[in-house]
């Protein structure tokens, strides 16, 4: 996911407004403990670090506090990291937030806004030179998923397929890679015929030999969530 300067500033300002009133201190220390910010694996870890480093730097300067940035290996481990208090804030998709809210005590902080919209679409993506012109043409071809557990890469592509009577069984081969960028690269490299990813992930590949076959209906954007204990001041309980 690539954020421009305006989007980064807006996101930084909103996140700062949410977390600034709630310092958390390490045991026996008068200085705030580092804030641990976890990212879902939308792209390769190196790209995720690159995209979110400006946000980390901005928050550290404004909060005078260290931000430890990390990328989860897979979505399924994020709930455990919150439960074990190994992360304080996470950037997640709407579906993962719903799963987290049922599994661990977390609260939403701020929702991402891109180009003035707090919603996003999924896109079915094929090569520009592909003979596929309609979703119905995909029958018998090969499909690769990225982060299948998040709606933009799993649920919404599935809905687009279902609307024309297709399912995973309609394809010659279906593979789940767990990373949107990897899925797009395999389509570009002619290993698979189609993938479904969030529009913001697909946008940087449409000038690299890929094209959008179809867009989904929009759903709420990605968001930041925090563990509920993060909002407690020292001395309120034994876990601060």
Protein backbone atom coordinates (compact mmCIF):
# COMPACT_ATOMS: atom_id res chain seq x y z
CA UNK A 1 0.00 0.00 0.00
CA UNK A 2 1.47 3.35 -1.02
CA UNK A 3 0.43 6.55 0.78
CA UNK A 4 1.27 9.98 -0.59
CA UNK A 5 2.49 12.85 1.61
CA UNK A 6 -0.99 14.28 2.20
CA UNK A 7 -2.42 10.90 3.18
CA UNK A 8 0.50 10.23 5.52
CA UNK A 9 0.08 13.59 7.24
CA UNK A 10 -3.67 13.15 7.63
CA UNK A 11 -3.25 9.63 9.01
CA UNK A 12 -0.44 10.74 11.34
CA UNK A 13 -2.49 13.63 12.69
CA UNK A 14 -5.54 11.47 13.38
CA UNK A 15 -3.55 8.67 15.00
CA UNK A 16 -1.61 11.16 17.08
CA UNK A 17 -4.87 12.73 18.32
CA UNK A 18 -6.10 9.29 19.36
CA UNK A 19 -3.04 8.05 21.26
CA UNK A 20 -1.45 11.24 22.64
CA UNK A 21 -3.61 11.49 25.81
CA UNK A 22 -2.82 7.92 26.87
CA UNK A 23 0.82 7.40 27.89
CA UNK A 24 1.80 3.90 29.05
CA UNK A 25 4.84 3.59 31.31
CA UNK A 26 7.20 0.68 31.76
CA UNK A 27 7.32 -0.75 35.30
CA UNK A 28 9.60 1.34 37.54
CA UNK A 29 10.19 3.95 34.82
CA UNK A 30 9.17 7.60 34.60
CA UNK A 31 9.50 7.58 30.81
CA UNK A 32 6.82 6.26 28.47
CA UNK A 33 7.45 2.73 27.23
CA UNK A 34 7.85 2.23 23.47
CA UNK A 35 4.63 1.88 21.52
CA UNK A 36 4.58 -1.31 19.47
CA UNK A 37 2.84 -0.81 16.12
CA UNK A 38 1.99 -3.96 14.14
CA UNK A 39 1.08 -4.07 10.44
CA UNK A 40 -0.81 -6.80 8.60
CA UNK A 41 1.23 -8.40 5.77
CA UNK A 42 -0.37 -6.56 2.83
CA UNK A 43 2.88 -6.52 0.83
CA UNK A 44 6.44 -7.74 1.30
CA UNK A 45 7.74 -6.73 4.78
CA UNK A 46 10.40 -4.44 3.25
CA UNK A 47 7.71 -2.53 1.33
CA UNK A 48 5.49 -2.30 4.40
CA UNK A 49 8.36 -0.85 6.46
CA UNK A 50 9.10 1.62 3.68
CA UNK A 51 5.49 2.80 3.41
CA UNK A 52 4.91 3.20 7.15
CA UNK A 53 8.33 4.56 8.16
CA UNK A 54 7.23 8.21 7.64
CA UNK A 55 4.29 7.59 10.01
CA UNK A 56 6.62 6.05 12.61
CA UNK A 57 9.07 8.97 12.35
CA UNK A 58 6.33 11.57 12.61
CA UNK A 59 4.73 9.98 15.67
CA UNK A 60 8.08 9.59 17.42
CA UNK A 61 8.87 13.29 16.95
CA UNK A 62 5.46 14.43 18.15
CA UNK A 63 5.16 12.00 21.05
CA UNK A 64 8.85 12.05 22.07
CA UNK A 65 8.48 8.32 22.32
CA UNK A 66 9.91 5.31 20.52
CA UNK A 67 7.62 3.52 18.06
CA UNK A 68 8.55 -0.11 17.40
CA UNK A 69 7.30 -1.03 13.93
CA UNK A 70 6.75 -4.66 12.96
CA UNK A 71 4.96 -6.68 10.25
CA UNK A 72 2.96 -9.75 11.25
CA UNK A 73 3.93 -12.99 9.53
CA UNK A 74 0.24 -13.90 9.20
CA UNK A 75 -3.10 -12.48 10.31
CA UNK A 76 -3.85 -15.40 12.61
CA UNK A 77 -1.05 -14.47 15.02
CA UNK A 78 -2.23 -10.90 15.70
CA UNK A 79 -4.84 -11.80 18.34
CA UNK A 80 -2.23 -13.74 20.32
CA UNK A 81 0.19 -10.80 20.17
CA UNK A 82 -2.50 -8.51 21.60
CA UNK A 83 -3.41 -11.07 24.27
CA UNK A 84 0.23 -11.41 25.32
CA UNK A 85 0.68 -7.59 25.21
CA UNK A 86 3.42 -7.92 22.63
CA UNK A 87 1.76 -5.25 20.50
CA UNK A 88 -0.10 -2.05 21.41
CA UNK A 89 -1.57 -0.83 18.12
CA UNK A 90 -2.25 -2.66 14.86
CA UNK A 91 -3.19 -1.66 11.32
CA UNK A 92 -5.82 -4.16 10.18
CA UNK A 93 -8.56 -4.80 7.65
CA UNK A 94 -12.27 -4.59 8.67
CA UNK A 95 -12.75 -8.37 8.80
CA UNK A 96 -9.71 -8.87 11.00
CA UNK A 97 -10.93 -6.11 13.32
CA UNK A 98 -14.23 -7.95 13.77
CA UNK A 99 -12.35 -11.18 14.54
CA UNK A 100 -10.03 -9.39 16.98
CA UNK A 101 -12.91 -7.68 18.78
CA UNK A 102 -14.44 -11.09 19.50
CA UNK A 103 -11.14 -12.63 20.64
CA UNK A 104 -9.35 -9.89 22.61
CA UNK A 105 -10.23 -6.50 24.17
CA UNK A 106 -9.36 -3.98 21.45
CA UNK A 107 -10.80 -0.60 20.50
CA UNK A 108 -10.82 1.16 17.09
CA UNK A 109 -8.72 4.32 16.90
CA UNK A 110 -8.92 5.78 13.41
CA UNK A 111 -10.01 4.66 9.95
CA UNK A 112 -7.86 5.24 6.89
CA UNK A 113 -9.03 7.82 4.36
CA UNK A 114 -7.64 7.86 0.81
CA UNK A 115 -8.55 10.49 -1.78
CA UNK A 116 -11.32 11.76 0.49
CA UNK A 117 -12.97 8.36 0.91
CA UNK A 118 -13.13 6.11 3.97
CA UNK A 119 -14.22 3.17 1.81
CA UNK A 120 -12.39 1.00 -0.69
CA UNK A 121 -13.08 -1.52 -3.44
CA UNK A 122 -11.58 -4.82 -4.47
CA UNK A 123 -10.47 -5.50 -8.02
CA UNK A 124 -10.17 -8.61 -10.15
CA UNK A 125 -6.88 -8.21 -12.01
CA UNK A 126 -5.66 -9.91 -15.21
CA UNK A 127 -2.83 -9.26 -17.66
CA UNK A 128 -3.35 -6.54 -20.25
CA UNK A 129 -2.78 -9.02 -23.06
CA UNK A 130 -5.18 -11.59 -21.59
CA UNK A 131 -8.09 -12.77 -23.72
CA UNK A 132 -10.31 -12.55 -20.63
CA UNK A 133 -12.77 -9.67 -21.01
CA UNK A 134 -15.61 -10.70 -18.65
CA UNK A 135 -15.69 -12.36 -15.24
CA UNK A 136 -17.59 -15.26 -16.81
CA UNK A 137 -14.58 -15.89 -19.08
CA UNK A 138 -12.54 -16.98 -16.02
CA UNK A 139 -14.02 -20.48 -15.91
CA UNK A 140 -11.33 -23.10 -16.40
CA UNK A 141 -8.49 -20.60 -15.80
CA UNK A 142 -6.14 -20.26 -12.80
CA UNK A 143 -6.77 -18.07 -9.73
CA UNK A 144 -4.33 -16.87 -7.09
CA UNK A 145 -5.38 -15.22 -3.81
CA UNK A 146 -3.28 -12.87 -1.74
CA UNK A 147 -4.37 -12.21 1.87
CA UNK A 148 -7.46 -14.37 1.61
CA UNK A 149 -8.52 -13.74 5.23
CA UNK A 150 -9.05 -10.00 4.56
CA UNK A 151 -12.14 -8.87 2.64
CA UNK A 152 -10.40 -7.05 -0.19
CA UNK A 153 -8.44 -10.17 -1.13
CA UNK A 154 -10.89 -12.93 -0.23
CA UNK A 155 -14.50 -12.01 0.51
CA UNK A 156 -15.05 -9.36 -2.17
CA UNK A 157 -13.37 -11.27 -5.02
CA UNK A 158 -15.47 -14.30 -4.02
CA UNK A 159 -18.65 -12.23 -4.20
CA UNK A 160 -17.74 -10.93 -7.66
CA UNK A 161 -17.23 -14.50 -8.83
CA UNK A 162 -20.45 -15.74 -7.22
CA UNK A 163 -22.50 -13.08 -9.02
CA UNK A 164 -21.75 -14.78 -12.33
CA UNK A 165 -22.12 -18.29 -10.94
CA UNK A 166 -18.41 -19.02 -10.36
CA UNK A 167 -16.64 -20.44 -7.31
CA UNK A 168 -13.16 -21.80 -6.61
CA UNK A 169 -14.31 -25.08 -8.13
CA UNK A 170 -14.81 -23.30 -11.46
CA UNK A 171 -11.05 -22.80 -11.84
CA UNK A 172 -8.42 -25.21 -13.12
CA UNK A 173 -6.17 -24.28 -10.16
CA UNK A 174 -6.56 -22.08 -7.06
CA UNK A 175 -3.67 -21.07 -4.78
CA UNK A 176 -3.56 -18.86 -1.66
CA UNK A 177 -0.24 -17.04 -1.18
CA UNK A 178 -1.04 -14.80 1.81
CA UNK A 179 0.44 -11.66 0.22
CA UNK A 180 -1.26 -9.33 -2.28
CA UNK A 181 1.93 -8.16 -3.95
CA UNK A 182 3.07 -11.73 -4.51
CA UNK A 183 -0.32 -12.59 -6.03
CA UNK A 184 -0.09 -9.67 -8.46
CA UNK A 185 3.46 -10.58 -9.43
CA UNK A 186 2.48 -14.16 -10.24
CA UNK A 187 -0.26 -12.91 -12.57
CA UNK A 188 2.18 -10.49 -14.18
CA UNK A 189 4.67 -13.36 -14.55
CA UNK A 190 2.03 -15.55 -16.31
CA UNK A 191 1.97 -18.14 -13.51
CA UNK A 192 -1.74 -17.45 -12.89
CA UNK A 193 -4.50 -15.81 -14.89
CA UNK A 194 -6.32 -13.69 -12.30
CA UNK A 195 -6.18 -12.43 -8.73
CA UNK A 196 -8.43 -10.35 -6.52
CA UNK A 197 -6.86 -7.62 -4.36
CA UNK A 198 -7.79 -4.24 -2.85
CA UNK A 199 -7.87 -1.44 -5.41
CA UNK A 200 -4.99 0.39 -3.69
CA UNK A 201 -2.79 -2.71 -4.06
CA UNK A 202 -3.68 -3.12 -7.73
CA UNK A 203 -3.21 0.55 -8.68
CA UNK A 204 0.59 0.42 -8.77
CA UNK A 205 0.51 -2.55 -11.18
CA UNK A 206 -1.89 -1.24 -13.82
CA UNK A 207 1.01 0.43 -15.64
CA UNK A 208 3.14 -2.72 -15.41
CA UNK A 209 1.22 -5.03 -17.69
CA UNK A 210 -1.93 -5.65 -15.62
CA UNK A 211 -5.49 -4.36 -16.00
CA UNK A 212 -8.64 -4.27 -13.91
CA UNK A 213 -11.31 -6.73 -15.04
CA UNK A 214 -13.98 -5.67 -12.54
CA UNK A 215 -14.42 -3.65 -9.34
CA UNK A 216 -16.48 -4.68 -6.32
CA UNK A 217 -18.89 -2.55 -4.33
CA UNK A 218 -17.08 -0.41 -1.70
CA UNK A 219 -16.68 -1.42 1.95
CA UNK A 220 -15.17 0.40 5.00
CA UNK A 221 -11.47 1.20 4.88
CA UNK A 222 -8.63 -0.32 6.90
CA UNK A 223 -8.18 0.99 10.43
CA UNK A 224 -5.91 1.21 13.46
CA UNK A 225 -6.93 -0.60 16.64
CA UNK A 226 -5.38 -0.56 20.11
CA UNK A 227 -5.45 -2.91 23.07
CA UNK A 228 -7.78 -1.52 25.72
CA UNK A 229 -5.10 -1.53 28.44
CA UNK A 230 -3.21 1.09 26.46
CA UNK A 231 -5.68 3.75 27.62
CA UNK A 232 -5.06 3.18 31.32
CA UNK A 233 -2.79 5.39 33.38
CA UNK A 234 -0.12 3.93 35.72
CA UNK A 235 -1.59 2.64 38.97
CA UNK A 236 -5.04 1.85 37.61
CA UNK A 237 -4.27 -1.84 37.56
CA UNK A 238 -1.33 -4.15 37.78
CA UNK A 239 -0.96 -4.55 34.03
CA UNK A 240 -0.14 -0.96 33.03
